[in-house]
Protein backbone atom coordinates (compact mmCIF):
# COMPACT_ATOMS: atom_id res chain seq x y z
CA UNK A 1 30.24 16.77 -167.87
CA UNK A 2 27.78 19.09 -166.92
CA UNK A 3 26.08 21.08 -169.72
CA UNK A 4 26.04 24.78 -169.85
CA UNK A 5 22.80 26.53 -168.52
CA UNK A 6 21.10 28.93 -170.79
CA UNK A 7 22.65 31.82 -168.98
CA UNK A 8 26.16 30.45 -169.28
CA UNK A 9 26.29 30.24 -172.83
CA UNK A 10 27.72 33.00 -174.92
CA UNK A 11 24.86 35.93 -175.20
CA UNK A 12 24.77 35.64 -178.88
CA UNK A 13 23.93 32.24 -178.87
CA UNK A 14 21.29 32.12 -176.41
CA UNK A 15 17.92 31.47 -178.28
CA UNK A 16 16.10 34.64 -177.18
CA UNK A 17 19.05 36.98 -177.87
CA UNK A 18 19.79 35.49 -180.68
CA UNK A 19 16.28 36.10 -182.12
CA UNK A 20 16.36 39.62 -181.20
CA UNK A 21 19.77 40.37 -182.78
CA UNK A 22 19.70 38.21 -186.21
CA UNK A 23 15.85 37.44 -186.40
CA UNK A 24 13.89 34.23 -186.30
CA UNK A 25 15.10 32.84 -189.51
CA UNK A 26 18.77 32.42 -187.79
CA UNK A 27 17.46 29.92 -185.35
CA UNK A 28 17.29 26.24 -185.74
CA UNK A 29 14.16 24.40 -185.02
CA UNK A 30 15.10 23.32 -181.72
CA UNK A 31 16.26 26.99 -180.67
CA UNK A 32 12.68 28.40 -181.80
CA UNK A 33 10.81 25.33 -179.65
CA UNK A 34 13.29 26.27 -176.69
CA UNK A 35 11.90 29.99 -176.67
CA UNK A 36 8.45 28.33 -176.17
CA UNK A 37 9.75 26.08 -173.53
CA UNK A 38 11.71 28.69 -171.39
CA UNK A 39 13.51 26.39 -169.31
CA UNK A 40 15.19 23.01 -169.15
CA UNK A 41 15.44 20.38 -166.68
CA UNK A 42 17.79 19.04 -164.13
CA UNK A 43 21.23 18.50 -166.04
CA UNK A 44 19.77 19.44 -169.44
CA UNK A 45 19.46 22.97 -170.96
CA UNK A 46 16.32 24.23 -172.68
CA UNK A 47 17.91 23.93 -176.14
CA UNK A 48 18.89 20.21 -175.47
CA UNK A 49 15.44 19.34 -174.18
CA UNK A 50 13.80 20.87 -177.31
CA UNK A 51 16.42 18.47 -179.24
CA UNK A 52 15.48 15.94 -177.31
CA UNK A 53 11.72 16.31 -178.10
CA UNK A 54 12.46 16.88 -181.73
CA UNK A 55 14.44 13.56 -181.94
CA UNK A 56 11.63 11.54 -180.20
CA UNK A 57 8.95 12.61 -182.71
CA UNK A 58 11.53 13.08 -185.79
CA UNK A 59 9.16 15.74 -187.37
CA UNK A 60 7.14 18.86 -186.67
CA UNK A 61 4.23 17.02 -188.43
CA UNK A 62 4.48 14.16 -185.75
CA UNK A 63 4.93 16.57 -182.88
CA UNK A 64 2.12 18.87 -183.91
CA UNK A 65 -0.42 15.79 -183.74
CA UNK A 66 0.64 15.21 -179.74
CA UNK A 67 -2.10 16.04 -177.24
CA UNK A 68 -1.58 18.11 -174.18
CA UNK A 69 -1.55 14.96 -172.29
CA UNK A 70 0.79 13.14 -174.10
CA UNK A 71 3.43 16.18 -174.30
CA UNK A 72 3.11 16.82 -170.45
CA UNK A 73 4.49 13.52 -169.77
CA UNK A 74 7.59 14.07 -171.25
CA UNK A 75 10.25 14.66 -168.69
CA UNK A 76 10.82 18.56 -168.31
CA UNK A 77 7.56 19.51 -170.52
CA UNK A 78 4.79 19.32 -168.03
CA UNK A 79 1.06 20.81 -168.63
CA UNK A 80 2.00 24.26 -168.81
CA UNK A 81 4.84 23.89 -171.27
CA UNK A 82 2.50 21.13 -173.10
CA UNK A 83 -0.18 23.86 -173.46
CA UNK A 84 1.87 26.25 -175.13
CA UNK A 85 3.47 23.86 -177.46
CA UNK A 86 -0.22 22.67 -178.69
CA UNK A 87 -1.19 26.24 -178.99
CA UNK A 88 1.51 27.25 -181.10
CA UNK A 89 1.22 24.30 -183.56
CA UNK A 90 -2.68 25.15 -183.82
CA UNK A 91 -1.88 28.76 -184.70
CA UNK A 92 0.55 27.79 -187.34
CA UNK A 93 -2.30 25.37 -188.84
CA UNK A 94 -4.66 28.32 -188.71
CA UNK A 95 -2.13 30.56 -190.27
CA UNK A 96 -1.94 28.08 -193.43
CA UNK A 97 -5.81 27.83 -193.46
CA UNK A 98 -6.11 31.58 -193.12
CA UNK A 99 -3.65 32.17 -196.40
CA UNK A 100 -5.96 29.80 -198.45
CA UNK A 101 -9.65 31.28 -197.14
CA UNK A 102 -9.55 33.72 -199.69
CA UNK A 103 -9.10 31.47 -202.61
CA UNK A 104 -11.34 29.46 -204.56
CA UNK A 105 -10.90 25.91 -203.43
CA UNK A 106 -12.02 23.93 -206.32
CA UNK A 107 -9.18 21.52 -207.08
CA UNK A 108 -7.62 18.92 -205.33
CA UNK A 109 -3.87 20.54 -205.05
CA UNK A 110 -5.46 23.50 -203.23
CA UNK A 111 -7.12 20.86 -200.67
CA UNK A 112 -3.94 19.02 -200.49
CA UNK A 113 -2.33 22.34 -199.45
CA UNK A 114 -4.96 23.00 -196.99
CA UNK A 115 -4.87 19.70 -195.22
CA UNK A 116 -2.12 17.23 -196.55
CA UNK A 117 0.94 17.99 -194.56
CA UNK A 118 -1.41 17.71 -191.44
CA UNK A 119 -3.51 14.57 -192.38
CA UNK A 120 -0.61 12.43 -193.64
CA UNK A 121 0.79 12.48 -190.49
CA UNK A 122 -2.09 11.11 -188.53
CA UNK A 123 -1.44 7.56 -187.18
CA UNK A 124 -5.13 6.42 -187.85
CA UNK A 125 -7.59 7.25 -190.54
CA UNK A 126 -9.42 10.38 -190.05
CA UNK A 127 -12.18 11.91 -192.29
CA UNK A 128 -12.97 15.77 -192.55
CA UNK A 129 -15.35 17.84 -194.17
CA UNK A 130 -14.29 21.24 -195.95
CA UNK A 131 -17.13 23.49 -196.09
CA UNK A 132 -17.41 25.98 -198.83
CA UNK A 133 -19.50 29.04 -199.67
CA UNK A 134 -21.27 29.99 -203.08
CA UNK A 135 -17.98 31.06 -204.15
CA UNK A 136 -16.07 28.18 -203.05
CA UNK A 137 -14.36 29.92 -200.21
CA UNK A 138 -13.14 28.21 -197.21
CA UNK A 139 -16.00 28.34 -194.30
CA UNK A 140 -14.31 26.03 -192.28
CA UNK A 141 -13.04 22.25 -191.65
CA UNK A 142 -14.94 20.09 -189.57
CA UNK A 143 -13.43 16.67 -188.33
CA UNK A 144 -16.23 14.06 -188.68
CA UNK A 145 -14.48 10.75 -187.55
CA UNK A 146 -11.26 9.01 -186.26
CA UNK A 147 -10.95 5.40 -187.36
CA UNK A 148 -8.38 2.55 -186.99
CA UNK A 149 -5.32 2.04 -188.45
CA UNK A 150 -6.76 1.33 -192.05
CA UNK A 151 -10.55 2.24 -191.58
CA UNK A 152 -12.29 5.53 -191.20
CA UNK A 153 -15.99 4.96 -189.49
CA UNK A 154 -18.23 7.59 -190.98
CA UNK A 155 -22.15 7.66 -192.33
CA UNK A 156 -23.32 10.04 -194.89
CA UNK A 157 -25.37 11.67 -192.28
CA UNK A 158 -22.46 12.52 -190.00
CA UNK A 159 -20.64 13.88 -192.94
CA UNK A 160 -23.24 16.19 -194.27
CA UNK A 161 -24.38 17.41 -190.95
CA UNK A 162 -22.01 20.20 -190.42
CA UNK A 163 -23.11 21.19 -194.15
CA UNK A 164 -26.44 21.87 -192.94
CA UNK A 165 -25.68 23.07 -189.65
CA UNK A 166 -23.19 25.78 -191.21
CA UNK A 167 -25.53 26.17 -194.13
CA UNK A 168 -22.43 25.39 -196.47
CA UNK A 169 -23.06 25.61 -200.37
CA UNK A 170 -20.57 22.95 -201.24
CA UNK A 171 -18.41 20.65 -199.60
CA UNK A 172 -15.10 18.45 -200.25
CA UNK A 173 -14.64 15.21 -198.04
CA UNK A 174 -11.14 14.37 -197.15
CA UNK A 175 -9.78 11.37 -195.52
CA UNK A 176 -6.33 9.72 -195.15
CA UNK A 177 -4.49 6.42 -195.64
CA UNK A 178 -1.93 5.91 -192.78
CA UNK A 179 -0.07 3.65 -195.17
CA UNK A 180 0.77 6.54 -197.51
CA UNK A 181 -0.84 5.06 -200.41
CA UNK A 182 -3.78 7.13 -201.45
CA UNK A 183 -5.31 4.33 -203.71
CA UNK A 184 -8.90 4.30 -203.07
CA UNK A 185 -10.60 0.97 -201.70
CA UNK A 186 -13.92 -0.70 -202.33
CA UNK A 187 -15.09 0.79 -199.09
CA UNK A 188 -14.03 4.19 -200.58
CA UNK A 189 -15.85 3.74 -203.53
CA UNK A 190 -18.67 2.63 -202.02
CA UNK A 191 -18.76 5.82 -199.63
CA UNK A 192 -18.36 8.15 -202.54
CA UNK A 193 -21.41 6.63 -204.53
CA UNK A 194 -23.35 7.10 -200.95
CA UNK A 195 -22.26 10.92 -200.59
CA UNK A 196 -23.03 11.73 -204.24
CA UNK A 197 -26.73 10.22 -203.86
CA UNK A 198 -26.93 12.06 -200.17
CA UNK A 199 -25.52 15.35 -201.60
CA UNK A 200 -28.37 15.30 -204.63
CA UNK A 201 -31.03 14.87 -202.26
CA UNK A 202 -29.86 17.35 -199.91
CA UNK A 203 -29.06 19.82 -202.58
CA UNK A 204 -25.55 20.25 -201.47
CA UNK A 205 -22.74 20.33 -203.98
CA UNK A 206 -20.32 17.52 -203.31
CA UNK A 207 -17.26 19.02 -205.49
CA UNK A 208 -14.85 15.81 -204.60
CA UNK A 209 -13.78 13.11 -202.36
CA UNK A 210 -10.03 13.19 -201.67
CA UNK A 211 -7.94 10.34 -200.40
CA UNK A 212 -4.45 11.91 -198.64
CA UNK A 213 -1.49 9.70 -198.63
CA UNK A 214 2.42 10.59 -199.32
CA UNK A 215 3.72 11.74 -202.40
CA UNK A 216 6.04 9.61 -204.47
CA UNK A 217 7.49 9.08 -207.96
CA UNK A 218 4.00 7.90 -209.03
CA UNK A 219 1.53 9.97 -207.28
CA UNK A 220 1.21 13.60 -206.16
CA UNK A 221 0.25 12.44 -202.88
CA UNK A 222 -3.48 12.27 -203.00
CA UNK A 223 -6.45 10.61 -204.97
CA UNK A 224 -9.22 12.68 -206.29
CA UNK A 225 -12.44 10.97 -207.19
CA UNK A 226 -13.42 14.25 -209.15
CA UNK A 227 -10.18 13.92 -211.53
CA UNK A 228 -10.73 10.33 -211.69
CA UNK A 229 -14.09 11.11 -213.22
CA UNK A 230 -16.39 9.36 -210.45
CA UNK A 231 -17.80 12.71 -209.36
């Protein structure tokens, strides 16, 4: 049975008209994405294309990790729509960072709030450096490396290079464990010791090294070397 085209749907059920009449909170996730996509594909209206997209990636977190190239290869998306989706997700990420930019980021809870949702959805290990000013306010977040499924490859000189480039007063190093278990490995401990030595030499404050995983009954979703008394 052919699906209804958007223009054939009742006016109060069309995503754009529904948003205008009832506000964005009244729309489902698929309807919000449908507004970005604008059009569907042969035999499938735009809302159903959006539902299919969400079903394929299971969550906004997974979907937001997709590149323009990956999205554009999906039937009914294409390069132009893929660019708009990637731009929308990055605006959301920057909004989250902006809301924390005026806070003093000196606790692992706040850093997890800043980067946790994003980094725990990554399929491989990645290492990022949070650069802070003298008041521990956010200057920027720099991506340093992307590793394999279970190892992030980074050297202290690469980790501290952004801090030197942007004259950061302090840094917090963050990397993820795709397994979801934030327990630090021996490699993590070794890296932390080397970072502490390099920070002292460079006279840059290393506030913490945080391992991001998934929250559970026994863990808040991260491991903090500072809280553990290592730093």
